[in-house]
């Protein structure tokens, strides 16, 4: 799960496994596998970094070396 900011600065927690794709339109729009769309303040690069960091932490917790 990753924490992002909605346009109104409200925090939202997203299951990164459900992200289908991310667009800059110019706001960052995240489309989930359910078809739901979420617009956030975080840039596309920031979202990608948070997903990578989250998955890296999971792998480290399981003792998986990358």
Protein backbone atom coordinates (compact mmCIF):
# COMPACT_ATOMS: atom_id res chain seq x y z
CA UNK A 1 0.00 0.00 0.00
CA UNK A 2 1.24 3.48 -0.83
CA UNK A 3 0.14 6.86 0.52
CA UNK A 4 -0.58 9.63 -1.97
CA UNK A 5 -2.22 13.08 -1.79
CA UNK A 6 -5.49 13.95 -3.48
CA UNK A 7 -5.81 17.39 -5.07
CA UNK A 8 -7.44 18.68 -1.85
CA UNK A 9 -4.35 17.51 0.16
CA UNK A 10 -6.29 14.63 1.70
CA UNK A 11 -4.20 11.49 2.09
CA UNK A 12 -5.32 8.38 0.23
CA UNK A 13 -3.88 4.89 0.60
CA UNK A 14 -3.81 2.82 -2.60
CA UNK A 15 -3.09 -0.86 -3.08
CA UNK A 16 -0.27 -0.59 -5.60
CA UNK A 17 -0.99 -4.11 -6.87
CA UNK A 18 -4.27 -2.80 -8.31
CA UNK A 19 -2.71 -0.02 -10.41
CA UNK A 20 -3.31 -0.72 -14.08
CA UNK A 21 -1.73 2.46 -15.44
CA UNK A 22 -0.77 6.03 -14.52
CA UNK A 23 -1.24 9.10 -16.72
CA UNK A 24 -0.15 12.74 -16.50
CA UNK A 25 -3.17 14.68 -17.82
CA UNK A 26 -1.60 17.19 -16.52
CA UNK A 27 -2.69 16.00 -13.06
CA UNK A 28 -1.64 12.47 -12.23
CA UNK A 29 -4.51 10.07 -12.88
CA UNK A 30 -4.24 6.51 -11.60
CA UNK A 31 -6.51 3.89 -13.14
CA UNK A 32 -7.05 0.79 -11.05
CA UNK A 33 -7.82 -2.67 -12.38
CA UNK A 34 -11.42 -2.12 -11.25
CA UNK A 35 -11.70 0.81 -13.66
CA UNK A 36 -11.84 3.34 -10.82
CA UNK A 37 -9.78 6.47 -11.46
CA UNK A 38 -8.02 8.49 -8.77
CA UNK A 39 -6.45 11.91 -9.36
CA UNK A 40 -3.52 12.80 -7.09
CA UNK A 41 -1.02 15.63 -6.57
CA UNK A 42 1.98 13.30 -6.66
CA UNK A 43 3.78 13.21 -10.00
CA UNK A 44 3.94 10.04 -12.10
CA UNK A 45 7.62 9.68 -11.13
CA UNK A 46 6.78 10.02 -7.42
CA UNK A 47 4.07 7.36 -7.66
CA UNK A 48 6.42 4.98 -9.46
CA UNK A 49 9.15 5.57 -6.84
CA UNK A 50 6.68 4.86 -4.02
CA UNK A 51 5.56 1.62 -5.68
CA UNK A 52 9.17 0.50 -6.18
CA UNK A 53 10.05 1.38 -2.57
CA UNK A 54 6.98 -0.48 -1.27
CA UNK A 55 7.77 -3.62 -3.27
CA UNK A 56 11.45 -3.46 -2.30
CA UNK A 57 10.42 -3.33 1.38
CA UNK A 58 8.18 -6.38 0.90
CA UNK A 59 10.99 -8.36 -0.76
CA UNK A 60 13.46 -7.39 1.96
CA UNK A 61 10.96 -8.48 4.61
CA UNK A 62 10.67 -11.87 2.92
CA UNK A 63 14.43 -12.20 2.64
CA UNK A 64 14.39 -12.01 -1.17
CA UNK A 65 17.54 -10.46 -2.61
CA UNK A 66 17.31 -8.39 -5.77
